[in-house]
PDB file of N, CA and C in Angstrom:
ATOM      1  N   UNK A   1       0.790  -1.191   0.065  1.00  0.00           N
ATOM      2  CA  UNK A   1       0.000  -0.023   0.048  1.00  0.00           C
ATOM      3  C   UNK A   1       0.887   1.225  -0.026  1.00  0.00           C
ATOM      4  N   UNK A   2       2.086   1.163   0.448  1.00  0.00           N
ATOM      5  CA  UNK A   2       2.993   2.357   0.537  1.00  0.00           C
ATOM      6  C   UNK A   2       3.440   2.938  -0.766  1.00  0.00           C
ATOM      7  N   UNK A   3       3.552   1.927  -1.754  1.00  0.00           N
ATOM      8  CA  UNK A   3       3.938   2.329  -3.148  1.00  0.00           C
ATOM      9  C   UNK A   3       2.797   2.980  -3.728  1.00  0.00           C
ATOM     10  N   UNK A   4       1.573   2.695  -3.416  1.00  0.00           N
ATOM     11  CA  UNK A   4       0.416   3.339  -4.152  1.00  0.00           C
ATOM     12  C   UNK A   4       0.313   4.771  -3.583  1.00  0.00           C
ATOM     13  N   UNK A   5       0.507   4.914  -2.319  1.00  0.00           N
ATOM     14  CA  UNK A   5       0.591   6.286  -1.842  1.00  0.00           C
ATOM     15  C   UNK A   5       1.659   7.189  -2.324  1.00  0.00           C
ATOM     16  N   UNK A   6       2.870   6.477  -2.556  1.00  0.00           N
ATOM     17  CA  UNK A   6       3.955   7.143  -3.234  1.00  0.00           C
ATOM     18  C   UNK A   6       3.626   7.628  -4.647  1.00  0.00           C
ATOM     19  N   UNK A   7       2.977   6.852  -5.265  1.00  0.00           N
ATOM     20  CA  UNK A   7       2.512   7.099  -6.749  1.00  0.00           C
ATOM     21  C   UNK A   7       1.485   8.257  -6.716  1.00  0.00           C
ATOM     22  N   UNK A   8       0.506   8.273  -5.729  1.00  0.00           N
ATOM     23  CA  UNK A   8      -0.510   9.341  -5.684  1.00  0.00           C
ATOM     24  C   UNK A   8       0.165  10.611  -5.240  1.00  0.00           C
ATOM     25  N   UNK A   9       1.046  10.631  -4.328  1.00  0.00           N
ATOM     26  CA  UNK A   9       1.702  11.854  -3.864  1.00  0.00           C
ATOM     27  C   UNK A   9       2.627  12.289  -5.090  1.00  0.00           C
ATOM     28  N   UNK A  10       3.222  11.356  -5.725  1.00  0.00           N
ATOM     29  CA  UNK A  10       4.054  11.718  -6.768  1.00  0.00           C
ATOM     30  C   UNK A  10       3.459  12.344  -7.905  1.00  0.00           C
ATOM     31  N   UNK A  11       2.157  11.921  -8.141  1.00  0.00           N
ATOM     32  CA  UNK A  11       1.316  12.593  -9.283  1.00  0.00           C
ATOM     33  C   UNK A  11       1.105  14.000  -8.861  1.00  0.00           C
ATOM     34  N   UNK A  12       0.607  14.148  -7.557  1.00  0.00           N
ATOM     35  CA  UNK A  12       0.330  15.565  -7.184  1.00  0.00           C
ATOM     36  C   UNK A  12       1.519  16.399  -7.113  1.00  0.00           C
ATOM     37  N   UNK A  13       2.613  15.796  -6.715  1.00  0.00           N
ATOM     38  CA  UNK A  13       3.947  16.490  -6.647  1.00  0.00           C
ATOM     39  C   UNK A  13       4.464  16.917  -7.946  1.00  0.00           C
ATOM     40  N   UNK A  14       4.303  16.116  -8.954  1.00  0.00           N
ATOM     41  CA  UNK A  14       4.724  16.400 -10.348  1.00  0.00           C
ATOM     42  C   UNK A  14       3.945  17.612 -10.843  1.00  0.00           C
ATOM     43  N   UNK A  15       2.621  17.615 -10.574  1.00  0.00           N
ATOM     44  CA  UNK A  15       1.782  18.747 -11.073  1.00  0.00           C
ATOM     45  C   UNK A  15       2.169  20.107 -10.305  1.00  0.00           C
ATOM     46  N   UNK A  16       2.363  19.957  -8.999  1.00  0.00           N
ATOM     47  CA  UNK A  16       2.976  21.169  -8.237  1.00  0.00           C
ATOM     48  C   UNK A  16       4.326  21.668  -8.664  1.00  0.00           C
ATOM     49  N   UNK A  17       5.215  20.626  -8.938  1.00  0.00           N
ATOM     50  CA  UNK A  17       6.587  21.047  -9.401  1.00  0.00           C
ATOM     51  C   UNK A  17       6.580  21.752 -10.641  1.00  0.00           C
ATOM     52  N   UNK A  18       5.593  21.290 -11.643  1.00  0.00           N
ATOM     53  CA  UNK A  18       5.495  21.910 -12.881  1.00  0.00           C
ATOM     54  C   UNK A  18       5.107  23.348 -12.777  1.00  0.00           C
ATOM     55  N   UNK A  19       4.245  23.591 -11.800  1.00  0.00           N
ATOM     56  CA  UNK A  19       3.830  25.017 -11.568  1.00  0.00           C
ATOM     57  C   UNK A  19       4.931  25.813 -10.869  1.00  0.00           C
ATOM     58  N   UNK A  20       5.779  25.245 -10.009  1.00  0.00           N
ATOM     59  CA  UNK A  20       6.748  25.933  -9.253  1.00  0.00           C
ATOM     60  C   UNK A  20       7.887  26.228 -10.227  1.00  0.00           C
ATOM     61  N   UNK A  21       8.221  25.346 -11.175  1.00  0.00           N
ATOM     62  CA  UNK A  21       9.350  25.435 -11.955  1.00  0.00           C
ATOM     63  C   UNK A  21       8.984  25.592 -13.409  1.00  0.00           C
ATOM     64  N   UNK A  22       8.391  26.563 -13.775  1.00  0.00           N
ATOM     65  CA  UNK A  22       7.923  26.891 -15.187  1.00  0.00           C
ATOM     66  C   UNK A  22       9.155  27.189 -15.976  1.00  0.00           C
ATOM     67  N   UNK A  23       9.093  26.744 -17.354  1.00  0.00           N
ATOM     68  CA  UNK A  23      10.278  27.174 -18.220  1.00  0.00           C
ATOM     69  C   UNK A  23      10.304  26.410 -19.517  1.00  0.00           C
ATOM     70  N   UNK A  24      11.104  26.634 -20.303  1.00  0.00           N
ATOM     71  CA  UNK A  24      11.117  25.941 -21.627  1.00  0.00           C
ATOM     72  C   UNK A  24      11.935  24.632 -21.544  1.00  0.00           C
ATOM     73  N   UNK A  25      12.678  24.476 -20.512  1.00  0.00           N
ATOM     74  CA  UNK A  25      13.597  23.258 -20.314  1.00  0.00           C
ATOM     75  C   UNK A  25      12.821  22.138 -19.733  1.00  0.00           C
ATOM     76  N   UNK A  26      11.575  22.282 -19.367  1.00  0.00           N
ATOM     77  CA  UNK A  26      10.646  21.301 -18.744  1.00  0.00           C
ATOM     78  C   UNK A  26      10.144  20.375 -19.826  1.00  0.00           C
ATOM     79  N   UNK A  27       9.767  19.183 -19.309  1.00  0.00           N
ATOM     80  CA  UNK A  27       9.104  18.257 -20.420  1.00  0.00           C
ATOM     81  C   UNK A  27       7.907  18.784 -20.747  1.00  0.00           C
ATOM     82  N   UNK A  28       7.538  18.638 -22.083  1.00  0.00           N
ATOM     83  CA  UNK A  28       6.238  19.007 -22.503  1.00  0.00           C
ATOM     84  C   UNK A  28       5.217  17.917 -22.320  1.00  0.00           C
ATOM     85  N   UNK A  29       4.090  18.125 -21.898  1.00  0.00           N
ATOM     86  CA  UNK A  29       3.114  17.142 -21.612  1.00  0.00           C
ATOM     87  C   UNK A  29       2.772  16.765 -20.235  1.00  0.00           C
ATOM     88  N   UNK A  30       1.518  16.616 -20.000  1.00  0.00           N
ATOM     89  CA  UNK A  30       0.964  16.171 -18.611  1.00  0.00           C
ATOM     90  C   UNK A  30       1.645  14.908 -18.061  1.00  0.00           C
ATOM     91  N   UNK A  31       1.607  13.912 -19.075  1.00  0.00           N
ATOM     92  CA  UNK A  31       1.792  12.498 -18.630  1.00  0.00           C
ATOM     93  C   UNK A  31       3.386  12.497 -18.281  1.00  0.00           C
ATOM     94  N   UNK A  32       4.113  12.978 -19.040  1.00  0.00           N
ATOM     95  CA  UNK A  32       5.619  12.905 -18.694  1.00  0.00           C
ATOM     96  C   UNK A  32       6.047  13.745 -17.413  1.00  0.00           C
ATOM     97  N   UNK A  33       5.335  14.777 -17.309  1.00  0.00           N
ATOM     98  CA  UNK A  33       5.543  15.550 -15.941  1.00  0.00           C
ATOM     99  C   UNK A  33       5.033  14.749 -14.853  1.00  0.00           C
ATOM    100  N   UNK A  34       3.942  14.000 -14.870  1.00  0.00           N
ATOM    101  CA  UNK A  34       3.509  13.215 -13.909  1.00  0.00           C
ATOM    102  C   UNK A  34       4.397  12.042 -13.592  1.00  0.00           C
ATOM    103  N   UNK A  35       4.837  11.478 -14.698  1.00  0.00           N
ATOM    104  CA  UNK A  35       5.817  10.294 -14.426  1.00  0.00           C
ATOM    105  C   UNK A  35       7.167  10.749 -13.668  1.00  0.00           C
ATOM    106  N   UNK A  36       7.624  11.994 -14.202  1.00  0.00           N
ATOM    107  CA  UNK A  36       8.830  12.479 -13.498  1.00  0.00           C
ATOM    108  C   UNK A  36       8.506  12.826 -12.047  1.00  0.00           C
ATOM    109  N   UNK A  37       7.239  13.326 -11.795  1.00  0.00           N
ATOM    110  CA  UNK A  37       6.932  13.580 -10.343  1.00  0.00           C
ATOM    111  C   UNK A  37       6.850  12.253  -9.482  1.00  0.00           C
ATOM    112  N   UNK A  38       6.343  11.231 -10.059  1.00  0.00           N
ATOM    113  CA  UNK A  38       6.250   9.918  -9.514  1.00  0.00           C
ATOM    114  C   UNK A  38       7.669   9.460  -9.193  1.00  0.00           C
ATOM    115  N   UNK A  39       8.569   9.615 -10.194  1.00  0.00           N
ATOM    116  CA  UNK A  39      10.029   9.117  -9.965  1.00  0.00           C
ATOM    117  C   UNK A  39      10.649  10.124  -8.925  1.00  0.00           C
ATOM    118  N   UNK A  40      10.356  11.298  -8.875  1.00  0.00           N
ATOM    119  CA  UNK A  40      10.979  12.123  -7.802  1.00  0.00           C
ATOM    120  C   UNK A  40      10.481  11.808  -6.463  1.00  0.00           C
ATOM    121  N   UNK A  41       9.294  11.392  -6.374  1.00  0.00           N
ATOM    122  CA  UNK A  41       8.625  10.971  -5.044  1.00  0.00           C
ATOM    123  C   UNK A  41       9.263   9.627  -4.551  1.00  0.00           C
ATOM    124  N   UNK A  42       9.458   8.756  -5.556  1.00  0.00           N
ATOM    125  CA  UNK A  42      10.115   7.432  -5.173  1.00  0.00           C
ATOM    126  C   UNK A  42      11.490   7.627  -4.722  1.00  0.00           C
ATOM    127  N   UNK A  43      12.171   8.496  -5.448  1.00  0.00           N
ATOM    128  CA  UNK A  43      13.629   8.813  -5.069  1.00  0.00           C
ATOM    129  C   UNK A  43      13.673   9.470  -3.716  1.00  0.00           C
ATOM    130  N   UNK A  44      12.808  10.381  -3.392  1.00  0.00           N
ATOM    131  CA  UNK A  44      12.740  11.005  -2.133  1.00  0.00           C
ATOM    132  C   UNK A  44      12.471  10.101  -1.139  1.00  0.00           C
ATOM    133  N   UNK A  45      11.564   9.070  -1.282  1.00  0.00           N
ATOM    134  CA  UNK A  45      11.181   8.085  -0.369  1.00  0.00           C
ATOM    135  C   UNK A  45      12.437   7.304  -0.007  1.00  0.00           C
ATOM    136  N   UNK A  46      13.080   6.633  -1.046  1.00  0.00           N
ATOM    137  CA  UNK A  46      14.288   5.926  -0.691  1.00  0.00           C
ATOM    138  C   UNK A  46      15.419   6.650  -0.233  1.00  0.00           C
ATOM    139  N   UNK A  47      15.653   7.944  -0.803  1.00  0.00           N
ATOM    140  CA  UNK A  47      16.690   8.616  -0.039  1.00  0.00           C
ATOM    141  C   UNK A  47      16.364   8.934   1.514  1.00  0.00           C
ATOM    142  N   UNK A  48      15.134   9.328   1.744  1.00  0.00           N
ATOM    143  CA  UNK A  48      14.803   9.677   3.043  1.00  0.00           C
ATOM    144  C   UNK A  48      14.904   8.508   4.000  1.00  0.00           C
ATOM    145  N   UNK A  49      14.486   7.242   3.420  1.00  0.00           N
ATOM    146  CA  UNK A  49      14.687   6.044   4.274  1.00  0.00           C
ATOM    147  C   UNK A  49      16.237   5.676   4.579  1.00  0.00           C
ATOM    148  N   UNK A  50      17.057   5.993   3.504  1.00  0.00           N
ATOM    149  CA  UNK A  50      18.378   5.700   3.637  1.00  0.00           C
ATOM    150  C   UNK A  50      19.124   6.661   4.580  1.00  0.00           C
ATOM    151  N   UNK A  51      18.693   7.759   4.540  1.00  0.00           N
ATOM    152  CA  UNK A  51      19.113   8.863   5.663  1.00  0.00           C
ATOM    153  C   UNK A  51      18.562   8.765   7.071  1.00  0.00           C
ATOM    154  N   UNK A  52      17.510   8.021   7.129  1.00  0.00           N
ATOM    155  CA  UNK A  52      16.765   7.839   8.422  1.00  0.00           C
ATOM    156  C   UNK A  52      15.682   8.801   8.704  1.00  0.00           C
ATOM    157  N   UNK A  53      15.422   9.579   7.683  1.00  0.00           N
ATOM    158  CA  UNK A  53      14.260  10.532   7.898  1.00  0.00           C
ATOM    159  C   UNK A  53      12.992   9.934   7.967  1.00  0.00           C
ATOM    160  N   UNK A  54      12.793   8.800   7.246  1.00  0.00           N
ATOM    161  CA  UNK A  54      11.570   8.035   7.202  1.00  0.00           C
ATOM    162  C   UNK A  54      11.785   6.614   7.696  1.00  0.00           C
ATOM    163  N   UNK A  55      10.818   5.940   8.251  1.00  0.00           N
ATOM    164  CA  UNK A  55      10.948   4.584   8.827  1.00  0.00           C
ATOM    165  C   UNK A  55      10.730   3.694   7.531  1.00  0.00           C
ATOM    166  N   UNK A  56      11.349   2.463   7.650  1.00  0.00           N
ATOM    167  CA  UNK A  56      11.118   1.516   6.563  1.00  0.00           C
ATOM    168  C   UNK A  56       9.566   1.355   6.195  1.00  0.00           C
ATOM    169  N   UNK A  57       9.274   1.360   4.972  1.00  0.00           N
ATOM    170  CA  UNK A  57       7.931   1.316   4.531  1.00  0.00           C
ATOM    171  C   UNK A  57       7.052   2.536   4.494  1.00  0.00           C
ATOM    172  N   UNK A  58       7.637   3.682   5.115  1.00  0.00           N
ATOM    173  CA  UNK A  58       7.015   4.981   5.155  1.00  0.00           C
ATOM    174  C   UNK A  58       7.451   5.783   3.997  1.00  0.00           C
ATOM    175  N   UNK A  59       6.438   6.215   3.344  1.00  0.00           N
ATOM    176  CA  UNK A  59       6.641   7.094   2.091  1.00  0.00           C
ATOM    177  C   UNK A  59       7.120   8.511   2.457  1.00  0.00           C
ATOM    178  N   UNK A  60       7.594   9.218   1.422  1.00  0.00           N
ATOM    179  CA  UNK A  60       8.093  10.636   1.618  1.00  0.00           C
ATOM    180  C   UNK A  60       6.907  11.471   1.878  1.00  0.00           C
ATOM    181  N   UNK A  61       7.019  12.442   2.487  1.00  0.00           N
ATOM    182  CA  UNK A  61       5.865  13.383   2.701  1.00  0.00           C
ATOM    183  C   UNK A  61       5.783  14.310   1.493  1.00  0.00           C
ATOM    184  N   UNK A  62       4.658  15.020   1.456  1.00  0.00           N
ATOM    185  CA  UNK A  62       4.327  15.849   0.283  1.00  0.00           C
ATOM    186  C   UNK A  62       5.545  16.824  -0.042  1.00  0.00           C
ATOM    187  N   UNK A  63       6.097  17.460   0.915  1.00  0.00           N
ATOM    188  CA  UNK A  63       7.195  18.455   0.611  1.00  0.00           C
ATOM    189  C   UNK A  63       8.360  17.607   0.071  1.00  0.00           C
ATOM    190  N   UNK A  64       8.740  16.523   0.644  1.00  0.00           N
ATOM    191  CA  UNK A  64       9.830  15.706   0.195  1.00  0.00           C
ATOM    192  C   UNK A  64       9.611  15.353  -1.328  1.00  0.00           C
ATOM    193  N   UNK A  65       8.381  14.916  -1.627  1.00  0.00           N
ATOM    194  CA  UNK A  65       8.107  14.389  -3.002  1.00  0.00           C
ATOM    195  C   UNK A  65       8.104  15.643  -3.961  1.00  0.00           C
ATOM    196  N   UNK A  66       7.670  16.808  -3.467  1.00  0.00           N
ATOM    197  CA  UNK A  66       7.769  17.903  -4.409  1.00  0.00           C
ATOM    198  C   UNK A  66       9.182  18.280  -4.656  1.00  0.00           C
ATOM    199  N   UNK A  67      10.119  18.363  -3.585  1.00  0.00           N
ATOM    200  CA  UNK A  67      11.482  18.665  -3.724  1.00  0.00           C
ATOM    201  C   UNK A  67      12.070  17.620  -4.713  1.00  0.00           C
ATOM    202  N   UNK A  68      11.741  16.312  -4.441  1.00  0.00           N
ATOM    203  CA  UNK A  68      12.237  15.324  -5.274  1.00  0.00           C
ATOM    204  C   UNK A  68      11.846  15.547  -6.838  1.00  0.00           C
ATOM    205  N   UNK A  69      10.608  15.821  -7.014  1.00  0.00           N
ATOM    206  CA  UNK A  69      10.066  16.046  -8.342  1.00  0.00           C
ATOM    207  C   UNK A  69      10.782  17.296  -9.016  1.00  0.00           C
ATOM    208  N   UNK A  70      11.029  18.373  -8.263  1.00  0.00           N
ATOM    209  CA  UNK A  70      11.741  19.518  -8.723  1.00  0.00           C
ATOM    210  C   UNK A  70      13.118  19.177  -9.075  1.00  0.00           C
ATOM    211  N   UNK A  71      13.796  18.446  -8.384  1.00  0.00           N
ATOM    212  CA  UNK A  71      15.177  17.904  -8.729  1.00  0.00           C
ATOM    213  C   UNK A  71      15.216  17.166 -10.000  1.00  0.00           C
ATOM    214  N   UNK A  72      14.241  16.140 -10.079  1.00  0.00           N
ATOM    215  CA  UNK A  72      14.081  15.302 -11.314  1.00  0.00           C
ATOM    216  C   UNK A  72      13.744  16.268 -12.561  1.00  0.00           C
ATOM    217  N   UNK A  73      12.900  17.249 -12.351  1.00  0.00           N
ATOM    218  CA  UNK A  73      12.587  18.054 -13.456  1.00  0.00           C
ATOM    219  C   UNK A  73      13.689  18.977 -13.870  1.00  0.00           C
ATOM    220  N   UNK A  74      14.606  19.428 -12.811  1.00  0.00           N
ATOM    221  CA  UNK A  74      15.774  20.150 -13.048  1.00  0.00           C
ATOM    222  C   UNK A  74      16.827  19.297 -13.944  1.00  0.00           C
ATOM    223  N   UNK A  75      17.093  18.040 -13.509  1.00  0.00           N
ATOM    224  CA  UNK A  75      17.917  17.248 -14.232  1.00  0.00           C
ATOM    225  C   UNK A  75      17.421  16.993 -15.671  1.00  0.00           C
ATOM    226  N   UNK A  76      16.198  16.800 -15.740  1.00  0.00           N
ATOM    227  CA  UNK A  76      15.589  16.387 -17.022  1.00  0.00           C
ATOM    228  C   UNK A  76      15.793  17.587 -18.017  1.00  0.00           C
ATOM    229  N   UNK A  77      15.691  18.895 -17.526  1.00  0.00           N
ATOM    230  CA  UNK A  77      15.886  20.073 -18.291  1.00  0.00           C
ATOM    231  C   UNK A  77      17.355  20.080 -18.658  1.00  0.00           C
ATOM    232  N   UNK A  78      18.376  19.779 -17.718  1.00  0.00           N
ATOM    233  CA  UNK A  78      19.746  19.780 -18.194  1.00  0.00           C
ATOM    234  C   UNK A  78      19.999  18.720 -19.273  1.00  0.00           C
ATOM    235  N   UNK A  79      19.344  17.646 -19.006  1.00  0.00           N
ATOM    236  CA  UNK A  79      19.480  16.588 -20.141  1.00  0.00           C
ATOM    237  C   UNK A  79      18.938  16.910 -21.506  1.00  0.00           C
ATOM    238  N   UNK A  80      17.745  17.374 -21.488  1.00  0.00           N
ATOM    239  CA  UNK A  80      17.083  17.848 -22.644  1.00  0.00           C
ATOM    240  C   UNK A  80      17.693  19.015 -23.396  1.00  0.00           C
ATOM    241  N   UNK A  81      18.409  19.925 -22.587  1.00  0.00           N
ATOM    242  CA  UNK A  81      19.010  21.019 -23.161  1.00  0.00           C
ATOM    243  C   UNK A  81      20.233  20.667 -23.994  1.00  0.00           C
ATOM    244  N   UNK A  82      20.857  19.510 -23.570  1.00  0.00           N
ATOM    245  CA  UNK A  82      22.178  19.157 -24.368  1.00  0.00           C
ATOM    246  C   UNK A  82      21.779  18.510 -25.708  1.00  0.00           C
ATOM    247  N   UNK A  83      20.537  18.018 -25.863  1.00  0.00           N
ATOM    248  CA  UNK A  83      20.277  17.303 -27.195  1.00  0.00           C
ATOM    249  C   UNK A  83      19.998  18.248 -28.194  1.00  0.00           C
TER     250      UNK A  83
END
C-alpha cells in the first residue's frame, strides 16, 4: 500500500513542481511531468529512508516528494538542453 501512496503523492507533486518550476527546459506534456513527479517521489522516499528521515515502509511526505520532483525536472531540463 505504501507504493500506491507514493504514486499518488508523486502525481500531485509532479503537477505542483510543474507550476513551481515553469520554463522551456521542462518536459512537454502532462503525462511525462506526472511520471517524472512519481520518480521524484520514489527517489525522495528511498533517499529519506536511507538517511533515516523515514521509517522503512514509510513514504516521503508531500514536501519531500515535491522537492524530489523539482530535482528530477531540473535534471531532465539539463539533459534535454544538451540534445
